[in-house]
Protein backbone atom coordinates (compact mmCIF):
# COMPACT_ATOMS: atom_id res chain seq x y z
CA MET A 1 37.67 45.71 -17.54
CA LEU A 2 34.40 47.45 -16.69
CA LYS A 3 33.57 47.70 -20.40
CA ARG A 4 34.07 43.94 -20.81
CA ILE A 5 31.75 43.24 -17.88
CA MET A 6 29.11 45.55 -19.34
CA ARG A 7 29.40 43.89 -22.76
CA SER A 8 29.04 40.44 -21.18
CA ALA A 9 26.00 41.54 -19.19
CA ALA A 10 24.42 43.03 -22.30
CA LEU A 11 25.05 39.81 -24.23
CA LEU A 12 23.43 37.69 -21.51
CA LEU A 13 20.39 39.97 -21.46
CA ALA A 14 20.11 39.77 -25.23
CA LEU A 15 20.23 35.98 -25.16
CA ALA A 16 17.74 35.71 -22.31
CA TRP A 17 15.27 38.28 -23.68
CA PRO A 18 13.02 37.00 -26.49
CA ALA A 19 13.55 38.71 -29.80
CA ALA A 20 11.00 41.31 -30.79
CA GLY A 21 8.09 39.89 -32.72
CA LEU A 22 8.68 36.29 -31.60
CA ALA A 23 6.11 34.64 -29.34
CA GLU A 24 7.52 33.17 -26.16
CA THR A 25 6.50 29.56 -25.43
CA VAL A 26 6.72 28.35 -21.85
CA GLU A 27 6.74 24.62 -21.20
CA TYR A 28 7.33 22.70 -18.00
CA ILE A 29 8.86 19.23 -17.91
CA HIS A 30 7.68 16.94 -15.11
CA THR A 31 9.63 13.89 -13.96
CA ASP A 32 8.82 10.88 -11.83
CA ALA A 33 10.73 9.77 -8.73
CA LEU A 34 13.48 8.22 -10.87
CA GLY A 35 14.03 11.38 -12.90
CA SER A 36 12.33 10.17 -16.08
CA PRO A 37 10.40 12.93 -17.93
CA VAL A 38 6.78 11.77 -17.90
CA ALA A 39 4.79 14.88 -18.84
CA ILE A 40 5.06 18.32 -20.42
CA THR A 41 2.62 21.11 -19.54
CA ASP A 42 2.10 24.59 -20.92
CA ALA A 43 2.03 27.83 -18.98
CA ALA A 44 -1.64 27.27 -18.12
CA GLY A 45 -0.97 23.83 -16.68
CA ASN A 46 -2.48 21.88 -19.57
CA VAL A 47 -0.79 18.58 -20.35
CA ILE A 48 0.50 18.67 -23.91
CA GLU A 49 2.56 15.50 -23.90
CA ARG A 50 2.89 12.33 -21.82
CA THR A 51 5.51 9.60 -21.82
CA VAL A 52 4.92 6.12 -20.41
CA TYR A 53 7.83 3.80 -19.65
CA GLU A 54 8.16 0.09 -19.11
CA ALA A 55 9.89 -0.95 -15.91
CA TYR A 56 13.31 -1.05 -17.54
CA GLY A 57 12.90 2.16 -19.55
CA GLY A 58 11.39 1.25 -22.89
CA MET A 59 8.85 3.83 -24.10
CA VAL A 60 5.32 2.42 -24.40
CA ASN A 61 3.30 5.12 -26.11
CA LYS A 62 5.81 6.54 -28.60
CA ALA A 63 9.11 5.91 -30.30
CA ALA A 64 12.37 6.89 -28.65
CA VAL A 65 13.46 10.46 -29.29
CA ASP A 66 16.79 12.22 -28.90
CA GLY A 67 17.11 13.98 -25.56
CA PRO A 68 16.52 13.32 -21.86
CA GLY A 69 14.78 9.99 -21.35
CA PHE A 70 14.63 7.14 -18.84
CA THR A 71 15.92 8.31 -15.42
CA GLY A 72 17.10 11.53 -17.07
CA HIS A 73 19.79 9.93 -19.23
CA VAL A 74 20.20 10.98 -22.85
CA ALA A 75 18.32 8.70 -25.24
CA ASP A 76 19.44 7.96 -28.80
CA SER A 77 16.53 7.55 -31.22
CA ALA A 78 18.65 5.82 -33.88
CA THR A 79 19.72 2.91 -31.65
CA GLY A 80 17.16 3.04 -28.83
CA LEU A 81 20.02 3.07 -26.32
CA SER A 82 20.51 5.30 -23.28
CA TYR A 83 23.86 6.96 -22.70
CA MET A 84 24.76 6.51 -19.01
CA GLN A 85 28.17 8.22 -19.12
CA GLN A 86 30.31 5.16 -18.34
CA ARG A 87 28.29 2.72 -20.42
CA TYR A 88 25.42 2.41 -22.88
CA TYR A 89 22.18 0.80 -21.72
CA ASP A 90 19.58 -1.13 -23.73
CA PRO A 91 16.12 -0.74 -22.13
CA SER A 92 14.66 -3.47 -24.34
CA ILE A 93 16.67 -6.14 -22.48
CA GLY A 94 17.30 -4.35 -19.18
CA ARG A 95 21.08 -4.72 -19.51
CA LEU A 96 24.10 -2.47 -19.95
CA LEU A 97 26.23 -3.29 -22.97
CA SER A 98 29.67 -3.37 -21.36
CA VAL A 99 31.09 -4.71 -18.12
CA ASP A 100 30.62 -2.71 -14.92
CA PRO A 101 33.82 -0.75 -14.15
CA VAL A 102 33.09 -1.10 -10.43
CA GLY A 103 34.32 -4.32 -8.87
CA VAL A 104 32.10 -6.85 -7.14
CA SER A 105 31.38 -5.93 -3.53
CA PRO A 106 33.41 -8.17 -1.19
CA ILE A 107 30.78 -7.72 1.52
CA ASN A 108 27.55 -8.87 -0.08
CA GLY A 109 28.21 -9.82 -3.72
CA LEU A 110 24.84 -8.42 -4.80
CA ASN A 111 26.44 -6.70 -7.82
CA PHE A 112 28.03 -9.94 -9.04
CA ASN A 113 26.28 -9.65 -12.40
CA ARG A 114 28.43 -7.22 -14.37
CA TYR A 115 25.75 -6.21 -16.87
CA TRP A 116 22.42 -6.01 -15.05
CA TYR A 117 20.75 -2.67 -14.48
CA ALA A 118 20.20 -1.31 -10.94
CA SER A 119 20.47 -4.73 -9.27
CA ASN A 120 17.39 -5.87 -11.24
CA ASN A 121 15.29 -3.41 -9.23
CA PRO A 122 14.27 -0.62 -11.65
CA TYR A 123 11.24 0.35 -9.55
CA LYS A 124 13.45 1.63 -6.74
CA ASN A 125 17.01 2.08 -8.01
CA LYS A 126 18.65 3.97 -10.83
CA ASP A 127 22.17 4.12 -12.23
CA PRO A 128 23.41 7.73 -12.16
CA ASP A 129 26.55 7.21 -14.25
CA GLY A 130 26.76 3.57 -15.34
CA ARG A 131 28.82 2.55 -12.32
CA CYS A 132 26.39 2.30 -9.44
CA ASP A 133 22.78 1.35 -8.83
CA GLY A 134 22.06 4.44 -6.80
CA PRO A 135 20.72 3.67 -3.31
CA ALA A 136 20.91 -0.11 -3.69
CA THR A 137 24.36 -1.64 -3.17
CA CYS A 138 25.72 1.36 -1.26
CA ALA A 139 22.71 1.29 1.05
CA ILE A 140 23.12 -2.43 1.66
CA ASP A 141 26.81 -1.98 2.50
CA ARG A 142 25.87 0.79 4.92
CA ASP A 143 23.23 -1.38 6.57
CA ILE A 144 25.74 -4.19 7.08
CA ALA A 145 28.22 -1.77 8.64
CA GLU A 146 25.55 -0.40 10.99
CA MET A 147 24.47 -3.89 11.99
CA ASN A 148 28.05 -4.97 12.69
CA SER A 149 28.67 -1.85 14.76
CA GLY A 150 25.51 -2.38 16.80
CA ASP A 151 23.71 0.69 15.42
CA MET A 152 21.09 -1.53 13.78
CA SER A 153 19.44 -4.71 15.01
CA ARG A 154 19.48 -7.84 12.89
CA GLY A 155 15.70 -7.62 12.67
CA GLU A 156 15.87 -4.12 11.18
CA PHE A 157 18.51 -5.31 8.72
CA MET A 158 16.30 -8.17 7.58
CA ASP A 159 13.28 -5.88 7.21
CA ARG A 160 15.25 -3.58 4.91
CA SER A 161 16.72 -6.51 2.97
CA ALA A 162 13.26 -8.02 2.49
CA ALA A 163 11.93 -4.72 1.14
CA ARG A 164 14.75 -4.57 -1.42
CA ALA A 165 14.19 -8.18 -2.39
CA VAL A 166 10.55 -7.49 -3.27
CA GLY A 167 11.59 -4.83 -5.76
CA ALA A 168 14.33 -7.02 -7.23
CA VAL A 169 11.97 -9.94 -7.79
CA ALA A 170 9.39 -7.68 -9.40
CA GLY A 171 12.00 -6.22 -11.73
CA LEU A 172 13.27 -9.65 -12.71
CA ALA A 173 9.73 -10.72 -13.53
CA VAL A 174 9.42 -7.87 -16.03
CA VAL A 175 12.59 -8.94 -17.83
CA ALA A 176 11.55 -12.58 -17.89
CA THR A 177 7.91 -12.18 -18.90
CA ARG A 178 7.26 -8.61 -20.05
CA ASN A 179 3.87 -9.18 -18.46
CA PRO A 180 2.65 -6.11 -16.52
CA ALA A 181 -0.39 -7.98 -15.17
CA GLY A 182 1.85 -10.69 -13.78
CA VAL A 183 4.10 -8.12 -12.15
CA LEU A 184 1.15 -6.40 -10.49
CA LYS A 185 -0.02 -9.76 -9.16
CA LEU A 186 3.46 -10.44 -7.82
CA LEU A 187 3.67 -7.05 -6.15
CA SER A 188 0.24 -7.34 -4.57
CA SER A 189 1.06 -10.74 -3.10
CA ALA A 190 4.43 -9.53 -1.87
CA PHE A 191 3.06 -6.48 -0.09
CA ARG A 192 0.11 -8.40 1.34
CA ARG A 193 2.47 -9.73 3.98
CA ASP A 194 1.66 -8.45 7.45
CA ALA A 195 4.22 -7.05 9.85
CA SER A 196 6.93 -9.58 10.45
CA HIS A 197 7.11 -11.57 13.64
CA THR A 198 10.02 -10.42 15.73
CA ILE A 199 12.39 -12.68 17.60
CA GLN A 200 12.08 -12.15 21.33
CA LYS A 201 15.39 -10.69 22.46
CA ASP A 202 15.60 -12.63 25.71
CA ARG A 203 14.91 -15.90 23.90
CA ALA A 204 17.45 -15.42 21.10
CA PRO A 205 20.32 -17.14 22.98
CA HIS A 206 18.09 -20.18 23.47
CA ILE A 207 16.87 -20.26 19.86
CA PHE A 208 20.26 -19.75 18.25
CA ARG A 209 22.73 -22.16 19.79
CA ASP A 210 24.88 -25.14 18.96
CA LYS A 211 22.45 -27.87 19.87
CA GLU A 212 20.39 -30.43 17.99
CA GLY A 213 17.21 -28.88 16.61
CA HIS A 214 18.55 -25.33 16.75
CA MET A 215 20.63 -23.13 14.42
CA LYS A 216 23.34 -20.49 14.34
CA ASP A 217 22.46 -16.82 14.76
CA THR A 218 22.73 -15.45 11.20
CA PRO A 219 20.52 -13.01 9.25
CA GLN A 220 19.55 -15.83 6.90
CA ASN A 221 18.44 -18.11 9.74
CA ARG A 222 16.47 -15.31 11.38
CA GLU A 223 14.74 -14.57 8.09
CA THR A 224 13.91 -18.26 7.66
CA LEU A 225 12.20 -18.43 11.06
CA GLN A 226 10.33 -15.18 10.44
CA ARG A 227 9.14 -16.38 7.05
CA VAL A 228 7.75 -19.59 8.54
CA ALA A 229 6.09 -17.74 11.42
CA ASP A 230 4.54 -15.16 9.06
CA ASP A 231 3.08 -17.61 6.54
CA PRO A 232 -0.51 -18.58 7.47
CA LYS A 233 -0.12 -21.77 5.44
CA THR A 234 2.51 -23.11 7.84
CA THR A 235 0.42 -22.68 11.00
CA LEU A 236 -0.21 -25.95 12.83
CA GLY A 237 -2.29 -24.65 15.73
CA ASN A 238 -2.07 -23.59 19.37
CA ASP A 239 -0.92 -25.70 22.28
CA ARG A 240 -2.55 -25.81 25.71
CA PHE A 241 -0.48 -22.80 26.82
CA GLY A 242 -1.63 -20.55 23.96
CA ASN A 243 1.58 -20.77 21.92
CA THR A 244 1.18 -20.86 18.13
CA TRP A 245 3.21 -23.50 16.31
CA SER A 246 4.24 -23.40 12.66
CA SER A 247 6.42 -25.64 10.53
CA GLN A 248 7.58 -26.03 6.96
CA THR A 249 9.24 -29.03 5.32
CA GLN A 250 12.37 -28.17 3.34
CA ASN A 251 13.58 -29.76 0.10
CA ASN A 252 16.04 -31.92 2.05
CA GLY A 253 13.23 -33.30 4.23
CA SER A 254 14.09 -31.30 7.35
CA GLN A 255 11.44 -29.38 9.28
CA VAL A 256 11.80 -25.68 10.12
CA TRP A 257 9.58 -24.85 13.08
CA THR A 258 8.63 -21.86 15.20
CA GLN A 259 6.81 -21.28 18.47
CA THR A 260 5.27 -17.81 18.73
CA ARG A 261 3.40 -15.83 21.34
CA ASN A 262 1.95 -12.31 21.03
CA GLY A 263 3.66 -11.70 17.69
CA GLU A 264 7.09 -12.80 18.91
CA ILE A 265 9.11 -15.90 18.12
CA VAL A 266 9.98 -17.48 21.45
CA ASN A 267 11.47 -20.70 20.09
CA GLY A 268 12.39 -22.22 16.77
CA GLY A 269 14.84 -24.38 14.91
CA VAL A 270 15.28 -27.23 12.45
CA ASN A 271 14.37 -30.87 13.01
CA GLN A 272 16.29 -33.21 10.73
CA THR A 273 13.53 -35.75 11.37
CA PRO A 274 10.14 -34.00 11.23
CA ARG A 275 7.99 -34.23 14.34
CA THR A 276 4.22 -34.62 14.52
CA TYR A 277 2.23 -31.73 15.93
CA ASN A 278 0.57 -32.39 19.28
CA PRO A 279 -2.35 -30.07 20.27
CA GLN A 280 -1.18 -30.27 23.88
CA THR A 281 2.56 -29.73 23.54
CA GLY A 282 3.02 -28.50 19.97
CA LEU A 283 6.22 -29.87 18.51
CA SER A 284 7.94 -30.22 21.88
CA ARG A 285 8.81 -33.70 22.94
CA PRO A 286 6.07 -34.89 25.28
CA GLU A 287 7.19 -35.42 28.84
CA PRO A 288 7.72 -39.09 29.58
CA PRO A 289 5.14 -40.62 31.87
CA PRO A 290 6.23 -40.91 35.50
CA PRO A 291 7.67 -44.30 36.47
CA PRO A 292 5.20 -46.71 38.04
CA PRO A 293 5.23 -46.75 41.85
CA LYS A 294 7.37 -49.39 43.40
CA LYS A 295 5.54 -52.35 44.75
CA PRO A 296 6.01 -52.89 48.45
CA ASP A 297 8.27 -55.76 49.34
């Protein structure tokens, strides 16, 4: 037994030790945050090769080669496809070539498309084995569970969802246009948004209620109010009390409105019939004038 161990150790040393007379070449492979090899350097740190990828994995500065490629998956130079274990992926169209073996999530439905790559968000997500988009869908499911259990506020949930949406929109733009300049413009406009207005906790029961001009308390409705409050183009002005009023007309003709103070939404809702902004009272209904005094008999 000891002899076998010694033979095995000797064999490993022989394989690991460079043969006499052969020069040893040391190269280091560097990857980006997604695991894609982007550079090779020598022992002195000099860059000897670079690889540039499009958003969905196509190589820009050279033809596809056999070996580790986009997000670390094996690339096939003959077909240009990436082997992602469960499925093959075509970086030229940003789609996998067979149906996703994982079923549609019953919670959020964000993986409804059975062929798209990484929820159309290649800047942030990756698909480790052809069955999942990495931190995307699983993270969203976790966020929903935390929100339902009370471990996360609805505002935090919407902030995270909005961040994911920015990446998804940017990724979709690359597939649709293949226009890097357009994508950069989209990203710059998306991240130009300032910190979101928050909904004042004590005022939430008043804002979200079953009454004309108001709405139900859902993540979508909260996001709608925050979007209107955040957009400088929707600002109407300040009333006599210092509240800022904003409104936006929807496609169906209704008016989404918000009343904010010190960065918080203190009131908001939907008017089926749009109201006219009043510099004194905002969009609130003006108080009726007092009745005329009774004439003495």
